[in-house]
């Protein structure tokens, strides 16, 4: 029961973090100031890398769990 609750929380967290990445991307596109664009772009890239690495590890653990059974 606890494991399903944690998985659900992780999925919701990834989804919300993905929405923040999308909103940051929109800010990069529509911002009229170059400095804001550069800083926002760096933040979006860093956030995307961290979310991508986390999701990759999540799938690796899932595959490893499936092979152990």
C-alpha atoms as a PDB file:
ATOM      1  CA  UNK A   1       0.000   0.000   0.000  1.00  0.00           C
ATOM      2  CA  UNK A   2       2.787   2.423   0.927  1.00  0.00           C
ATOM      3  CA  UNK A   3       4.664   1.643  -2.302  1.00  0.00           C
ATOM      4  CA  UNK A   4       1.668   2.588  -4.480  1.00  0.00           C
ATOM      5  CA  UNK A   5       1.247   5.841  -2.572  1.00  0.00           C
ATOM      6  CA  UNK A   6       4.894   6.753  -3.130  1.00  0.00           C
ATOM      7  CA  UNK A   7       4.668   5.900  -6.852  1.00  0.00           C
ATOM      8  CA  UNK A   8       1.578   8.061  -7.196  1.00  0.00           C
ATOM      9  CA  UNK A   9       3.299  10.964  -5.465  1.00  0.00           C
ATOM     10  CA  UNK A  10       6.366  10.603  -7.703  1.00  0.00           C
ATOM     11  CA  UNK A  11       4.253  10.585 -10.843  1.00  0.00           C
ATOM     12  CA  UNK A  12       2.291  13.642  -9.715  1.00  0.00           C
ATOM     13  CA  UNK A  13       5.544  15.412  -8.831  1.00  0.00           C
ATOM     14  CA  UNK A  14       7.038  14.658 -12.252  1.00  0.00           C
ATOM     15  CA  UNK A  15       3.880  15.889 -13.947  1.00  0.00           C
ATOM     16  CA  UNK A  16       3.874  19.169 -12.002  1.00  0.00           C
ATOM     17  CA  UNK A  17       7.582  19.656 -12.578  1.00  0.00           C
ATOM     18  CA  UNK A  18       6.980  19.043 -16.292  1.00  0.00           C
ATOM     19  CA  UNK A  19       4.343  21.760 -16.303  1.00  0.00           C
ATOM     20  CA  UNK A  20       6.811  24.171 -14.723  1.00  0.00           C
ATOM     21  CA  UNK A  21       9.343  23.280 -17.432  1.00  0.00           C
ATOM     22  CA  UNK A  22       6.733  23.994 -20.099  1.00  0.00           C
ATOM     23  CA  UNK A  23       5.877  27.365 -18.540  1.00  0.00           C
ATOM     24  CA  UNK A  24       9.595  28.207 -18.358  1.00  0.00           C
ATOM     25  CA  UNK A  25       9.921  27.315 -22.024  1.00  0.00           C
ATOM     26  CA  UNK A  26       7.055  29.641 -22.887  1.00  0.00           C
ATOM     27  CA  UNK A  27       8.790  32.393 -20.923  1.00  0.00           C
ATOM     28  CA  UNK A  28      11.946  31.834 -22.967  1.00  0.00           C
ATOM     29  CA  UNK A  29       9.968  32.194 -26.191  1.00  0.00           C
ATOM     30  CA  UNK A  30       7.915  35.292 -25.350  1.00  0.00           C
ATOM     31  CA  UNK A  31      10.352  37.314 -23.214  1.00  0.00           C
ATOM     32  CA  UNK A  32      11.461  40.546 -24.894  1.00  0.00           C
ATOM     33  CA  UNK A  33      14.718  40.765 -22.886  1.00  0.00           C
ATOM     34  CA  UNK A  34      17.759  38.741 -23.920  1.00  0.00           C
ATOM     35  CA  UNK A  35      19.108  38.430 -20.367  1.00  0.00           C
ATOM     36  CA  UNK A  36      15.826  36.935 -19.136  1.00  0.00           C
ATOM     37  CA  UNK A  37      15.791  34.572 -22.109  1.00  0.00           C
ATOM     38  CA  UNK A  38      19.309  33.310 -21.408  1.00  0.00           C
ATOM     39  CA  UNK A  39      18.748  32.803 -17.680  1.00  0.00           C
ATOM     40  CA  UNK A  40      15.381  31.124 -18.264  1.00  0.00           C
ATOM     41  CA  UNK A  41      16.852  28.899 -20.964  1.00  0.00           C
ATOM     42  CA  UNK A  42      19.650  27.752 -18.661  1.00  0.00           C
ATOM     43  CA  UNK A  43      17.116  27.024 -15.912  1.00  0.00           C
ATOM     44  CA  UNK A  44      14.846  25.087 -18.289  1.00  0.00           C
ATOM     45  CA  UNK A  45      17.736  22.990 -19.605  1.00  0.00           C
ATOM     46  CA  UNK A  46      18.951  22.169 -16.088  1.00  0.00           C
ATOM     47  CA  UNK A  47      15.444  21.263 -14.943  1.00  0.00           C
ATOM     48  CA  UNK A  48      14.858  19.114 -18.027  1.00  0.00           C
ATOM     49  CA  UNK A  49      18.090  17.223 -17.428  1.00  0.00           C
ATOM     50  CA  UNK A  50      17.171  16.462 -13.828  1.00  0.00           C
ATOM     51  CA  UNK A  51      13.656  15.317 -14.687  1.00  0.00           C
ATOM     52  CA  UNK A  52      14.930  13.194 -17.582  1.00  0.00           C
ATOM     53  CA  UNK A  53      17.545  11.521 -15.395  1.00  0.00           C
ATOM     54  CA  UNK A  54      14.979  10.799 -12.696  1.00  0.00           C
ATOM     55  CA  UNK A  55      12.489   9.291 -15.138  1.00  0.00           C
ATOM     56  CA  UNK A  56      15.253   7.198 -16.746  1.00  0.00           C
ATOM     57  CA  UNK A  57      16.237   5.811 -13.331  1.00  0.00           C
ATOM     58  CA  UNK A  58      12.586   5.115 -12.584  1.00  0.00           C
ATOM     59  CA  UNK A  59      12.279   2.981 -15.736  1.00  0.00           C
ATOM     60  CA  UNK A  60      15.597   1.231 -15.066  1.00  0.00           C
ATOM     61  CA  UNK A  61      14.423   0.264 -11.578  1.00  0.00           C
ATOM     62  CA  UNK A  62      11.115  -0.926 -13.006  1.00  0.00           C
ATOM     63  CA  UNK A  63      12.901  -3.091 -15.598  1.00  0.00           C
ATOM     64  CA  UNK A  64      15.255  -4.473 -12.974  1.00  0.00           C
ATOM     65  CA  UNK A  65      12.302  -5.306 -10.717  1.00  0.00           C
ATOM     66  CA  UNK A  66      10.555  -7.103 -13.587  1.00  0.00           C
ATOM     67  CA  UNK A  67      13.641  -9.210 -14.357  1.00  0.00           C
ATOM     68  CA  UNK A  68      14.070 -10.182 -10.690  1.00  0.00           C
ATOM     69  CA  UNK A  69      10.607 -11.717 -10.540  1.00  0.00           C
END
